[in-house]
Amino acid sequence: STNPAKKIPLMIEGSKMMVDFCRLKSEII
């Protein structure tokens, strides 16, 4: 969805998943 209000749980889940992945590869996110 392009409307974040419709997918709040997925928005949170996806953001966390991406940040967790980036923490393994970079110093600043």
mmCIF file of all heavy atoms, coordinates in Angstrom:
data_MODEL
# 
_entry.id   MODEL 
# 
loop_
_atom_site.group_PDB 
_atom_site.id 
_atom_site.type_symbol 
_atom_site.label_atom_id 
_atom_site.label_alt_id 
_atom_site.label_comp_id 
_atom_site.label_asym_id 
_atom_site.label_entity_id 
_atom_site.label_seq_id 
_atom_site.pdbx_PDB_ins_code 
_atom_site.Cartn_x 
_atom_site.Cartn_y 
_atom_site.Cartn_z 
_atom_site.occupancy 
_atom_site.B_iso_or_equiv 
_atom_site.pdbx_formal_charge 
_atom_site.auth_seq_id 
_atom_site.auth_comp_id 
_atom_site.auth_asym_id 
_atom_site.auth_atom_id 
_atom_site.pdbx_PDB_model_num 
ATOM 1   N N   . SER A 1 1  ? 0.855  -1.186 0.000  1.00 0.00 ? 1  SER A N   1 
ATOM 2   C CA  . SER A 1 1  ? 0.000  0.000  0.000  1.00 0.00 ? 1  SER A CA  1 
ATOM 3   C C   . SER A 1 1  ? 0.886  1.228  0.000  1.00 0.00 ? 1  SER A C   1 
ATOM 4   O O   . SER A 1 1  ? 1.989  1.214  0.556  1.00 0.00 ? 1  SER A O   1 
ATOM 5   C CB  . SER A 1 1  ? -0.911 0.023  1.225  1.00 0.00 ? 1  SER A CB  1 
ATOM 6   O OG  . SER A 1 1  ? -1.694 1.217  1.252  1.00 0.00 ? 1  SER A OG  1 
ATOM 7   N N   . THR A 1 2  ? 0.406  2.292  -0.635 1.00 0.00 ? 2  THR A N   1 
ATOM 8   C CA  . THR A 1 2  ? 1.115  3.565  -0.572 1.00 0.00 ? 2  THR A CA  1 
ATOM 9   C C   . THR A 1 2  ? 0.563  4.442  0.551  1.00 0.00 ? 2  THR A C   1 
ATOM 10  O O   . THR A 1 2  ? 1.023  5.561  0.747  1.00 0.00 ? 2  THR A O   1 
ATOM 11  C CB  . THR A 1 2  ? 1.005  4.323  -1.905 1.00 0.00 ? 2  THR A CB  1 
ATOM 12  O OG1 . THR A 1 2  ? -0.378 4.507  -2.231 1.00 0.00 ? 2  THR A OG1 1 
ATOM 13  C CG2 . THR A 1 2  ? 1.686  3.535  -3.017 1.00 0.00 ? 2  THR A CG2 1 
ATOM 14  N N   . ASN A 1 3  ? -0.413 3.917  1.290  1.00 0.00 ? 3  ASN A N   1 
ATOM 15  C CA  . ASN A 1 3  ? -0.996 4.621  2.441  1.00 0.00 ? 3  ASN A CA  1 
ATOM 16  C C   . ASN A 1 3  ? -0.554 3.911  3.713  1.00 0.00 ? 3  ASN A C   1 
ATOM 17  O O   . ASN A 1 3  ? -1.051 2.831  4.034  1.00 0.00 ? 3  ASN A O   1 
ATOM 18  C CB  . ASN A 1 3  ? -2.521 4.627  2.330  1.00 0.00 ? 3  ASN A CB  1 
ATOM 19  C CG  . ASN A 1 3  ? -3.181 5.383  3.474  1.00 0.00 ? 3  ASN A CG  1 
ATOM 20  O OD1 . ASN A 1 3  ? -2.517 5.785  4.439  1.00 0.00 ? 3  ASN A OD1 1 
ATOM 21  N ND2 . ASN A 1 3  ? -4.483 5.573  3.396  1.00 0.00 ? 3  ASN A ND2 1 
ATOM 22  N N   . PRO A 1 4  ? 0.373  4.486  4.480  1.00 0.00 ? 4  PRO A N   1 
ATOM 23  C CA  . PRO A 1 4  ? 0.894  3.793  5.667  1.00 0.00 ? 4  PRO A CA  1 
ATOM 24  C C   . PRO A 1 4  ? -0.151 3.526  6.733  1.00 0.00 ? 4  PRO A C   1 
ATOM 25  O O   . PRO A 1 4  ? -0.020 2.581  7.508  1.00 0.00 ? 4  PRO A O   1 
ATOM 26  C CB  . PRO A 1 4  ? 1.976  4.756  6.184  1.00 0.00 ? 4  PRO A CB  1 
ATOM 27  C CG  . PRO A 1 4  ? 1.588  6.097  5.640  1.00 0.00 ? 4  PRO A CG  1 
ATOM 28  C CD  . PRO A 1 4  ? 0.972  5.822  4.307  1.00 0.00 ? 4  PRO A CD  1 
ATOM 29  N N   . ALA A 1 5  ? -1.205 4.321  6.774  1.00 0.00 ? 5  ALA A N   1 
ATOM 30  C CA  . ALA A 1 5  ? -2.249 4.146  7.787  1.00 0.00 ? 5  ALA A CA  1 
ATOM 31  C C   . ALA A 1 5  ? -2.963 2.812  7.645  1.00 0.00 ? 5  ALA A C   1 
ATOM 32  O O   . ALA A 1 5  ? -3.522 2.284  8.609  1.00 0.00 ? 5  ALA A O   1 
ATOM 33  C CB  . ALA A 1 5  ? -3.255 5.293  7.702  1.00 0.00 ? 5  ALA A CB  1 
ATOM 34  N N   . LYS A 1 6  ? -2.937 2.234  6.433  1.00 0.00 ? 6  LYS A N   1 
ATOM 35  C CA  . LYS A 1 6  ? -3.632 0.967  6.190  1.00 0.00 ? 6  LYS A CA  1 
ATOM 36  C C   . LYS A 1 6  ? -2.796 -0.248 6.573  1.00 0.00 ? 6  LYS A C   1 
ATOM 37  O O   . LYS A 1 6  ? -3.321 -1.362 6.632  1.00 0.00 ? 6  LYS A O   1 
ATOM 38  C CB  . LYS A 1 6  ? -4.015 0.857  4.704  1.00 0.00 ? 6  LYS A CB  1 
ATOM 39  C CG  . LYS A 1 6  ? -5.076 1.849  4.253  1.00 0.00 ? 6  LYS A CG  1 
ATOM 40  C CD  . LYS A 1 6  ? -5.439 1.608  2.793  1.00 0.00 ? 6  LYS A CD  1 
ATOM 41  C CE  . LYS A 1 6  ? -6.566 2.534  2.354  1.00 0.00 ? 6  LYS A CE  1 
ATOM 42  N NZ  . LYS A 1 6  ? -6.933 2.292  0.935  1.00 0.00 ? 6  LYS A NZ  1 
ATOM 43  N N   . LYS A 1 7  ? -1.500 -0.057 6.804  1.00 0.00 ? 7  LYS A N   1 
ATOM 44  C CA  . LYS A 1 7  ? -0.604 -1.200 7.007  1.00 0.00 ? 7  LYS A CA  1 
ATOM 45  C C   . LYS A 1 7  ? 0.357  -0.943 8.173  1.00 0.00 ? 7  LYS A C   1 
ATOM 46  O O   . LYS A 1 7  ? 1.547  -1.244 8.078  1.00 0.00 ? 7  LYS A O   1 
ATOM 47  C CB  . LYS A 1 7  ? 0.206  -1.445 5.734  1.00 0.00 ? 7  LYS A CB  1 
ATOM 48  C CG  . LYS A 1 7  ? -0.625 -1.701 4.486  1.00 0.00 ? 7  LYS A CG  1 
ATOM 49  C CD  . LYS A 1 7  ? -1.156 -3.103 4.429  1.00 0.00 ? 7  LYS A CD  1 
ATOM 50  C CE  . LYS A 1 7  ? -1.865 -3.376 3.106  1.00 0.00 ? 7  LYS A CE  1 
ATOM 51  N NZ  . LYS A 1 7  ? -2.350 -4.752 2.991  1.00 0.00 ? 7  LYS A NZ  1 
ATOM 52  N N   . ILE A 1 8  ? -0.142 -0.415 9.269  1.00 0.00 ? 8  ILE A N   1 
ATOM 53  C CA  . ILE A 1 8  ? 0.747  -0.024 10.364 1.00 0.00 ? 8  ILE A CA  1 
ATOM 54  C C   . ILE A 1 8  ? 1.582  -1.194 10.892 1.00 0.00 ? 8  ILE A C   1 
ATOM 55  O O   . ILE A 1 8  ? 2.804  -1.065 11.042 1.00 0.00 ? 8  ILE A O   1 
ATOM 56  C CB  . ILE A 1 8  ? -0.044 0.669  11.486 1.00 0.00 ? 8  ILE A CB  1 
ATOM 57  C CG1 . ILE A 1 8  ? -0.446 2.081  11.012 1.00 0.00 ? 8  ILE A CG1 1 
ATOM 58  C CG2 . ILE A 1 8  ? 0.768  0.755  12.776 1.00 0.00 ? 8  ILE A CG2 1 
ATOM 59  C CD1 . ILE A 1 8  ? -1.259 2.869  12.001 1.00 0.00 ? 8  ILE A CD1 1 
ATOM 60  N N   . PRO A 1 9  ? 0.992  -2.371 11.206 1.00 0.00 ? 9  PRO A N   1 
ATOM 61  C CA  . PRO A 1 9  ? 1.838  -3.474 11.693 1.00 0.00 ? 9  PRO A CA  1 
ATOM 62  C C   . PRO A 1 9  ? 2.936  -3.865 10.709 1.00 0.00 ? 9  PRO A C   1 
ATOM 63  O O   . PRO A 1 9  ? 4.081  -4.111 11.112 1.00 0.00 ? 9  PRO A O   1 
ATOM 64  C CB  . PRO A 1 9  ? 0.837  -4.620 11.905 1.00 0.00 ? 9  PRO A CB  1 
ATOM 65  C CG  . PRO A 1 9  ? -0.476 -3.937 12.119 1.00 0.00 ? 9  PRO A CG  1 
ATOM 66  C CD  . PRO A 1 9  ? -0.438 -2.741 11.223 1.00 0.00 ? 9  PRO A CD  1 
ATOM 67  N N   . LEU A 1 10 ? 2.608  -3.919 9.405  1.00 0.00 ? 10 LEU A N   1 
ATOM 68  C CA  . LEU A 1 10 ? 3.618  -4.265 8.396  1.00 0.00 ? 10 LEU A CA  1 
ATOM 69  C C   . LEU A 1 10 ? 4.676  -3.170 8.258  1.00 0.00 ? 10 LEU A C   1 
ATOM 70  O O   . LEU A 1 10 ? 5.852  -3.459 8.037  1.00 0.00 ? 10 LEU A O   1 
ATOM 71  C CB  . LEU A 1 10 ? 2.950  -4.499 7.042  1.00 0.00 ? 10 LEU A CB  1 
ATOM 72  C CG  . LEU A 1 10 ? 2.549  -5.933 6.684  1.00 0.00 ? 10 LEU A CG  1 
ATOM 73  C CD1 . LEU A 1 10 ? 1.942  -5.969 5.293  1.00 0.00 ? 10 LEU A CD1 1 
ATOM 74  C CD2 . LEU A 1 10 ? 3.727  -6.883 6.768  1.00 0.00 ? 10 LEU A CD2 1 
ATOM 75  N N   . MET A 1 11 ? 4.260  -1.915 8.386  1.00 0.00 ? 11 MET A N   1 
ATOM 76  C CA  . MET A 1 11 ? 5.218  -0.809 8.327  1.00 0.00 ? 11 MET A CA  1 
ATOM 77  C C   . MET A 1 11 ? 6.249  -0.943 9.440  1.00 0.00 ? 11 MET A C   1 
ATOM 78  O O   . MET A 1 11 ? 7.451  -0.760 9.220  1.00 0.00 ? 11 MET A O   1 
ATOM 79  C CB  . MET A 1 11 ? 4.478  0.528  8.464  1.00 0.00 ? 11 MET A CB  1 
ATOM 80  C CG  . MET A 1 11 ? 3.625  0.915  7.274  1.00 0.00 ? 11 MET A CG  1 
ATOM 81  S SD  . MET A 1 11 ? 4.598  1.400  5.829  1.00 0.00 ? 11 MET A SD  1 
ATOM 82  C CE  . MET A 1 11 ? 5.443  2.837  6.448  1.00 0.00 ? 11 MET A CE  1 
ATOM 83  N N   . ILE A 1 12 ? 5.777  -1.272 10.628 1.00 0.00 ? 12 ILE A N   1 
ATOM 84  C CA  . ILE A 1 12 ? 6.681  -1.423 11.773 1.00 0.00 ? 12 ILE A CA  1 
ATOM 85  C C   . ILE A 1 12 ? 7.574  -2.647 11.586 1.00 0.00 ? 12 ILE A C   1 
ATOM 86  O O   . ILE A 1 12 ? 8.799  -2.587 11.768 1.00 0.00 ? 12 ILE A O   1 
ATOM 87  C CB  . ILE A 1 12 ? 5.872  -1.518 13.077 1.00 0.00 ? 12 ILE A CB  1 
ATOM 88  C CG1 . ILE A 1 12 ? 5.142  -0.187 13.342 1.00 0.00 ? 12 ILE A CG1 1 
ATOM 89  C CG2 . ILE A 1 12 ? 6.764  -1.889 14.257 1.00 0.00 ? 12 ILE A CG2 1 
ATOM 90  C CD1 . ILE A 1 12 ? 4.126  -0.243 14.462 1.00 0.00 ? 12 ILE A CD1 1 
ATOM 91  N N   . GLU A 1 13 ? 6.965  -3.770 11.206 1.00 0.00 ? 13 GLU A N   1 
ATOM 92  C CA  . GLU A 1 13 ? 7.721  -5.015 11.013 1.00 0.00 ? 13 GLU A CA  1 
ATOM 93  C C   . GLU A 1 13 ? 8.789  -4.864 9.935  1.00 0.00 ? 13 GLU A C   1 
ATOM 94  O O   . GLU A 1 13 ? 9.952  -5.259 10.123 1.00 0.00 ? 13 GLU A O   1 
ATOM 95  C CB  . GLU A 1 13 ? 6.757  -6.139 10.630 1.00 0.00 ? 13 GLU A CB  1 
ATOM 96  C CG  . GLU A 1 13 ? 7.435  -7.463 10.317 1.00 0.00 ? 13 GLU A CG  1 
ATOM 97  C CD  . GLU A 1 13 ? 6.483  -8.487 9.713  1.00 0.00 ? 13 GLU A CD  1 
ATOM 98  O OE1 . GLU A 1 13 ? 5.249  -8.333 9.866  1.00 0.00 ? 13 GLU A OE1 1 
ATOM 99  O OE2 . GLU A 1 13 ? 6.978  -9.437 9.075  1.00 0.00 ? 13 GLU A OE2 1 
ATOM 100 N N   . GLY A 1 14 ? 8.405  -4.286 8.795  1.00 0.00 ? 14 GLY A N   1 
ATOM 101 C CA  . GLY A 1 14 ? 9.348  -4.146 7.695  1.00 0.00 ? 14 GLY A CA  1 
ATOM 102 C C   . GLY A 1 14 ? 10.485 -3.186 8.011  1.00 0.00 ? 14 GLY A C   1 
ATOM 103 O O   . GLY A 1 14 ? 11.640 -3.434 7.649  1.00 0.00 ? 14 GLY A O   1 
ATOM 104 N N   . SER A 1 15 ? 10.183 -2.095 8.711  1.00 0.00 ? 15 SER A N   1 
ATOM 105 C CA  . SER A 1 15 ? 11.217 -1.130 9.079  1.00 0.00 ? 15 SER A CA  1 
ATOM 106 C C   . SER A 1 15 ? 12.223 -1.766 10.028 1.00 0.00 ? 15 SER A C   1 
ATOM 107 O O   . SER A 1 15 ? 13.445 -1.603 9.870  1.00 0.00 ? 15 SER A O   1 
ATOM 108 C CB  . SER A 1 15 ? 10.589 0.102  9.722  1.00 0.00 ? 15 SER A CB  1 
ATOM 109 O OG  . SER A 1 15 ? 9.720  0.760  8.822  1.00 0.00 ? 15 SER A OG  1 
ATOM 110 N N   . LYS A 1 16 ? 11.734 -2.502 11.008 1.00 0.00 ? 16 LYS A N   1 
ATOM 111 C CA  . LYS A 1 16 ? 12.633 -3.161 11.966 1.00 0.00 ? 16 LYS A CA  1 
ATOM 112 C C   . LYS A 1 16 ? 13.513 -4.191 11.263 1.00 0.00 ? 16 LYS A C   1 
ATOM 113 O O   . LYS A 1 16 ? 14.724 -4.292 11.516 1.00 0.00 ? 16 LYS A O   1 
ATOM 114 C CB  . LYS A 1 16 ? 11.840 -3.839 13.079 1.00 0.00 ? 16 LYS A CB  1 
ATOM 115 C CG  . LYS A 1 16 ? 12.733 -4.558 14.108 1.00 0.00 ? 16 LYS A CG  1 
ATOM 116 C CD  . LYS A 1 16 ? 11.924 -5.276 15.157 1.00 0.00 ? 16 LYS A CD  1 
ATOM 117 C CE  . LYS A 1 16 ? 12.835 -5.864 16.238 1.00 0.00 ? 16 LYS A CE  1 
ATOM 118 N NZ  . LYS A 1 16 ? 13.869 -6.784 15.709 1.00 0.00 ? 16 LYS A NZ  1 
ATOM 119 N N   . MET A 1 17 ? 12.906 -4.973 10.378 1.00 0.00 ? 17 MET A N   1 
ATOM 120 C CA  . MET A 1 17 ? 13.651 -6.005 9.665  1.00 0.00 ? 17 MET A CA  1 
ATOM 121 C C   . MET A 1 17 ? 14.795 -5.393 8.847  1.00 0.00 ? 17 MET A C   1 
ATOM 122 O O   . MET A 1 17 ? 15.929 -5.887 8.845  1.00 0.00 ? 17 MET A O   1 
ATOM 123 C CB  . MET A 1 17 ? 12.696 -6.765 8.744  1.00 0.00 ? 17 MET A CB  1 
ATOM 124 C CG  . MET A 1 17 ? 13.307 -7.973 8.063  1.00 0.00 ? 17 MET A CG  1 
ATOM 125 S SD  . MET A 1 17 ? 12.035 -8.908 7.181  1.00 0.00 ? 17 MET A SD  1 
ATOM 126 C CE  . MET A 1 17 ? 12.671 -8.811 5.532  1.00 0.00 ? 17 MET A CE  1 
ATOM 127 N N   . MET A 1 18 ? 14.512 -4.280 8.165  1.00 0.00 ? 18 MET A N   1 
ATOM 128 C CA  . MET A 1 18 ? 15.532 -3.624 7.356  1.00 0.00 ? 18 MET A CA  1 
ATOM 129 C C   . MET A 1 18 ? 16.638 -3.024 8.225  1.00 0.00 ? 18 MET A C   1 
ATOM 130 O O   . MET A 1 18 ? 17.825 -3.127 7.904  1.00 0.00 ? 18 MET A O   1 
ATOM 131 C CB  . MET A 1 18 ? 14.900 -2.535 6.491  1.00 0.00 ? 18 MET A CB  1 
ATOM 132 C CG  . MET A 1 18 ? 14.046 -3.079 5.367  1.00 0.00 ? 18 MET A CG  1 
ATOM 133 S SD  . MET A 1 18 ? 15.011 -4.060 4.188  1.00 0.00 ? 18 MET A SD  1 
ATOM 134 C CE  . MET A 1 18 ? 13.807 -4.285 2.891  1.00 0.00 ? 18 MET A CE  1 
ATOM 135 N N   . VAL A 1 19 ? 16.262 -2.407 9.337  1.00 0.00 ? 19 VAL A N   1 
ATOM 136 C CA  . VAL A 1 19 ? 17.275 -1.815 10.210 1.00 0.00 ? 19 VAL A CA  1 
ATOM 137 C C   . VAL A 1 19 ? 18.147 -2.899 10.834 1.00 0.00 ? 19 VAL A C   1 
ATOM 138 O O   . VAL A 1 19 ? 19.372 -2.750 10.914 1.00 0.00 ? 19 VAL A O   1 
ATOM 139 C CB  . VAL A 1 19 ? 16.608 -0.945 11.299 1.00 0.00 ? 19 VAL A CB  1 
ATOM 140 C CG1 . VAL A 1 19 ? 17.642 -0.501 12.343 1.00 0.00 ? 19 VAL A CG1 1 
ATOM 141 C CG2 . VAL A 1 19 ? 15.955 0.282  10.676 1.00 0.00 ? 19 VAL A CG2 1 
ATOM 142 N N   . ASP A 1 20 ? 17.535 -3.991 11.258 1.00 0.00 ? 20 ASP A N   1 
ATOM 143 C CA  . ASP A 1 20 ? 18.318 -5.103 11.825 1.00 0.00 ? 20 ASP A CA  1 
ATOM 144 C C   . ASP A 1 20 ? 19.349 -5.606 10.816 1.00 0.00 ? 20 ASP A C   1 
ATOM 145 O O   . ASP A 1 20 ? 20.498 -5.908 11.170 1.00 0.00 ? 20 ASP A O   1 
ATOM 146 C CB  . ASP A 1 20 ? 17.404 -6.250 12.246 1.00 0.00 ? 20 ASP A CB  1 
ATOM 147 C CG  . ASP A 1 20 ? 16.596 -5.925 13.497 1.00 0.00 ? 20 ASP A CG  1 
ATOM 148 O OD1 . ASP A 1 20 ? 16.925 -4.934 14.183 1.00 0.00 ? 20 ASP A OD1 1 
ATOM 149 O OD2 . ASP A 1 20 ? 15.637 -6.672 13.789 1.00 0.00 ? 20 ASP A OD2 1 
ATOM 150 N N   . PHE A 1 21 ? 18.935 -5.704 9.567  1.00 0.00 ? 21 PHE A N   1 
ATOM 151 C CA  . PHE A 1 21 ? 19.842 -6.144 8.498  1.00 0.00 ? 21 PHE A CA  1 
ATOM 152 C C   . PHE A 1 21 ? 20.985 -5.139 8.317  1.00 0.00 ? 21 PHE A C   1 
ATOM 153 O O   . PHE A 1 21 ? 22.149 -5.513 8.188  1.00 0.00 ? 21 PHE A O   1 
ATOM 154 C CB  . PHE A 1 21 ? 19.050 -6.296 7.193  1.00 0.00 ? 21 PHE A CB  1 
ATOM 155 C CG  . PHE A 1 21 ? 19.849 -6.788 6.024  1.00 0.00 ? 21 PHE A CG  1 
ATOM 156 C CD1 . PHE A 1 21 ? 20.179 -8.123 5.902  1.00 0.00 ? 21 PHE A CD1 1 
ATOM 157 C CD2 . PHE A 1 21 ? 20.277 -5.901 5.043  1.00 0.00 ? 21 PHE A CD2 1 
ATOM 158 C CE1 . PHE A 1 21 ? 20.923 -8.575 4.814  1.00 0.00 ? 21 PHE A CE1 1 
ATOM 159 C CE2 . PHE A 1 21 ? 21.016 -6.337 3.958  1.00 0.00 ? 21 PHE A CE2 1 
ATOM 160 C CZ  . PHE A 1 21 ? 21.342 -7.686 3.844  1.00 0.00 ? 21 PHE A CZ  1 
ATOM 161 N N   . CYS A 1 22 ? 20.650 -3.853 8.337  1.00 0.00 ? 22 CYS A N   1 
ATOM 162 C CA  . CYS A 1 22 ? 21.655 -2.812 8.129  1.00 0.00 ? 22 CYS A CA  1 
ATOM 163 C C   . CYS A 1 22 ? 22.640 -2.709 9.292  1.00 0.00 ? 22 CYS A C   1 
ATOM 164 O O   . CYS A 1 22 ? 23.801 -2.338 9.090  1.00 0.00 ? 22 CYS A O   1 
ATOM 165 C CB  . CYS A 1 22 ? 20.972 -1.462 7.924  1.00 0.00 ? 22 CYS A CB  1 
ATOM 166 S SG  . CYS A 1 22 ? 20.088 -1.318 6.361  1.00 0.00 ? 22 CYS A SG  1 
ATOM 167 N N   . ARG A 1 23 ? 22.199 -3.014 10.499 1.00 0.00 ? 23 ARG A N   1 
ATOM 168 C CA  . ARG A 1 23 ? 23.101 -2.929 11.661 1.00 0.00 ? 23 ARG A CA  1 
ATOM 169 C C   . ARG A 1 23 ? 24.284 -3.892 11.508 1.00 0.00 ? 23 ARG A C   1 
ATOM 170 O O   . ARG A 1 23 ? 25.361 -3.646 12.052 1.00 0.00 ? 23 ARG A O   1 
ATOM 171 C CB  . ARG A 1 23 ? 22.341 -3.245 12.943 1.00 0.00 ? 23 ARG A CB  1 
ATOM 172 C CG  . ARG A 1 23 ? 21.468 -2.095 13.461 1.00 0.00 ? 23 ARG A CG  1 
ATOM 173 C CD  . ARG A 1 23 ? 20.970 -2.387 14.855 1.00 0.00 ? 23 ARG A CD  1 
ATOM 174 N NE  . ARG A 1 23 ? 19.998 -1.427 15.344 1.00 0.00 ? 23 ARG A NE  1 
ATOM 175 C CZ  . ARG A 1 23 ? 20.310 -0.285 15.964 1.00 0.00 ? 23 ARG A CZ  1 
ATOM 176 N NH1 . ARG A 1 23 ? 21.583 0.029  16.146 1.00 0.00 ? 23 ARG A NH1 1 
ATOM 177 N NH2 . ARG A 1 23 ? 19.368 0.526  16.398 1.00 0.00 ? 23 ARG A NH2 1 
ATOM 178 N N   . LEU A 1 24 ? 24.088 -4.968 10.771 1.00 0.00 ? 24 LEU A N   1 
ATOM 179 C CA  . LEU A 1 24 ? 25.159 -5.931 10.551 1.00 0.00 ? 24 LEU A CA  1 
ATOM 180 C C   . LEU A 1 24 ? 26.172 -5.453 9.526  1.00 0.00 ? 24 LEU A C   1 
ATOM 181 O O   . LEU A 1 24 ? 27.275 -5.994 9.437  1.00 0.00 ? 24 LEU A O   1 
ATOM 182 C CB  . LEU A 1 24 ? 24.569 -7.272 10.081 1.00 0.00 ? 24 LEU A CB  1 
ATOM 183 C CG  . LEU A 1 24 ? 23.559 -7.944 11.012 1.00 0.00 ? 24 LEU A CG  1 
ATOM 184 C CD1 . LEU A 1 24 ? 22.965 -9.168 10.328 1.00 0.00 ? 24 LEU A CD1 1 
ATOM 185 C CD2 . LEU A 1 24 ? 24.209 -8.324 12.335 1.00 0.00 ? 24 LEU A CD2 1 
ATOM 186 N N   . LYS A 1 25 ? 25.806 -4.439 8.735  1.00 0.00 ? 25 LYS A N   1 
ATOM 187 C CA  . LYS A 1 25 ? 26.618 -4.061 7.586  1.00 0.00 ? 25 LYS A CA  1 
ATOM 188 C C   . LYS A 1 25 ? 27.146 -2.634 7.630  1.00 0.00 ? 25 LYS A C   1 
ATOM 189 O O   . LYS A 1 25 ? 27.968 -2.263 6.797  1.00 0.00 ? 25 LYS A O   1 
ATOM 190 C CB  . LYS A 1 25 ? 25.796 -4.227 6.297  1.00 0.00 ? 25 LYS A CB  1 
ATOM 191 C CG  . LYS A 1 25 ? 25.441 -5.678 5.979  1.00 0.00 ? 25 LYS A CG  1 
ATOM 192 C CD  . LYS A 1 25 ? 24.569 -5.762 4.747  1.00 0.00 ? 25 LYS A CD  1 
ATOM 193 C CE  . LYS A 1 25 ? 24.417 -7.205 4.281  1.00 0.00 ? 25 LYS A CE  1 
ATOM 194 N NZ  . LYS A 1 25 ? 25.621 -7.735 3.646  1.00 0.00 ? 25 LYS A NZ  1 
ATOM 195 N N   . SER A 1 26 ? 26.660 -1.801 8.562  1.00 0.00 ? 26 SER A N   1 
ATOM 196 C CA  . SER A 1 26 ? 27.047 -0.396 8.535  1.00 0.00 ? 26 SER A CA  1 
ATOM 197 C C   . SER A 1 26 ? 27.163 0.176  9.943  1.00 0.00 ? 26 SER A C   1 
ATOM 198 O O   . SER A 1 26 ? 26.652 -0.381 10.908 1.00 0.00 ? 26 SER A O   1 
ATOM 199 C CB  . SER A 1 26 ? 26.037 0.412  7.718  1.00 0.00 ? 26 SER A CB  1 
ATOM 200 O OG  . SER A 1 26 ? 24.720 0.157  8.149  1.00 0.00 ? 26 SER A OG  1 
ATOM 201 N N   . GLU A 1 27 ? 27.838 1.317  10.011 1.00 0.00 ? 27 GLU A N   1 
ATOM 202 C CA  . GLU A 1 27 ? 28.065 1.974  11.299 1.00 0.00 ? 27 GLU A CA  1 
ATOM 203 C C   . GLU A 1 27 ? 26.968 2.961  11.653 1.00 0.00 ? 27 GLU A C   1 
ATOM 204 O O   . GLU A 1 27 ? 26.690 3.216  12.829 1.00 0.00 ? 27 GLU A O   1 
ATOM 205 C CB  . GLU A 1 27 ? 29.411 2.715  11.255 1.00 0.00 ? 27 GLU A CB  1 
ATOM 206 C CG  . GLU A 1 27 ? 30.593 1.818  10.937 1.00 0.00 ? 27 GLU A CG  1 
ATOM 207 C CD  . GLU A 1 27 ? 31.812 2.628  10.562 1.00 0.00 ? 27 GLU A CD  1 
ATOM 208 O OE1 . GLU A 1 27 ? 32.499 3.109  11.496 1.00 0.00 ? 27 GLU A OE1 1 
ATOM 209 O OE2 . GLU A 1 27 ? 32.084 2.790  9.364  1.00 0.00 ? 27 GLU A OE2 1 
ATOM 210 N N   . ILE A 1 28 ? 26.358 3.549  10.634 1.00 0.00 ? 28 ILE A N   1 
ATOM 211 C CA  . ILE A 1 28 ? 25.271 4.515  10.821 1.00 0.00 ? 28 ILE A CA  1 
ATOM 212 C C   . ILE A 1 28 ? 24.128 4.137  9.894  1.00 0.00 ? 28 ILE A C   1 
ATOM 213 O O   . ILE A 1 28 ? 24.348 3.786  8.731  1.00 0.00 ? 28 ILE A O   1 
ATOM 214 C CB  . ILE A 1 28 ? 25.746 5.952  10.519 1.00 0.00 ? 28 ILE A CB  1 
ATOM 215 C CG1 . ILE A 1 28 ? 26.845 6.368  11.512 1.00 0.00 ? 28 ILE A CG1 1 
ATOM 216 C CG2 . ILE A 1 28 ? 24.587 6.933  10.583 1.00 0.00 ? 28 ILE A CG2 1 
ATOM 217 C CD1 . ILE A 1 28 ? 27.457 7.726  11.212 1.00 0.00 ? 28 ILE A CD1 1 
ATOM 218 N N   . ILE A 1 29 ? 22.902 4.194  10.408 1.00 0.00 ? 29 ILE A N   1 
ATOM 219 C CA  . ILE A 1 29 ? 21.709 3.904  9.602  1.00 0.00 ? 29 ILE A CA  1 
ATOM 220 C C   . ILE A 1 29 ? 20.787 5.111  9.667  1.00 0.00 ? 29 ILE A C   1 
ATOM 221 O O   . ILE A 1 29 ? 20.431 5.561  10.761 1.00 0.00 ? 29 ILE A O   1 
ATOM 222 C CB  . ILE A 1 29 ? 20.948 2.665  10.107 1.00 0.00 ? 29 ILE A CB  1 
ATOM 223 C CG1 . ILE A 1 29 ? 21.878 1.445  10.151 1.00 0.00 ? 29 ILE A CG1 1 
ATOM 224 C CG2 . ILE A 1 29 ? 19.738 2.370  9.246  1.00 0.00 ? 29 ILE A CG2 1 
ATOM 225 C CD1 . ILE A 1 29 ? 21.940 0.796  11.495 1.00 0.00 ? 29 ILE A CD1 1 
# 
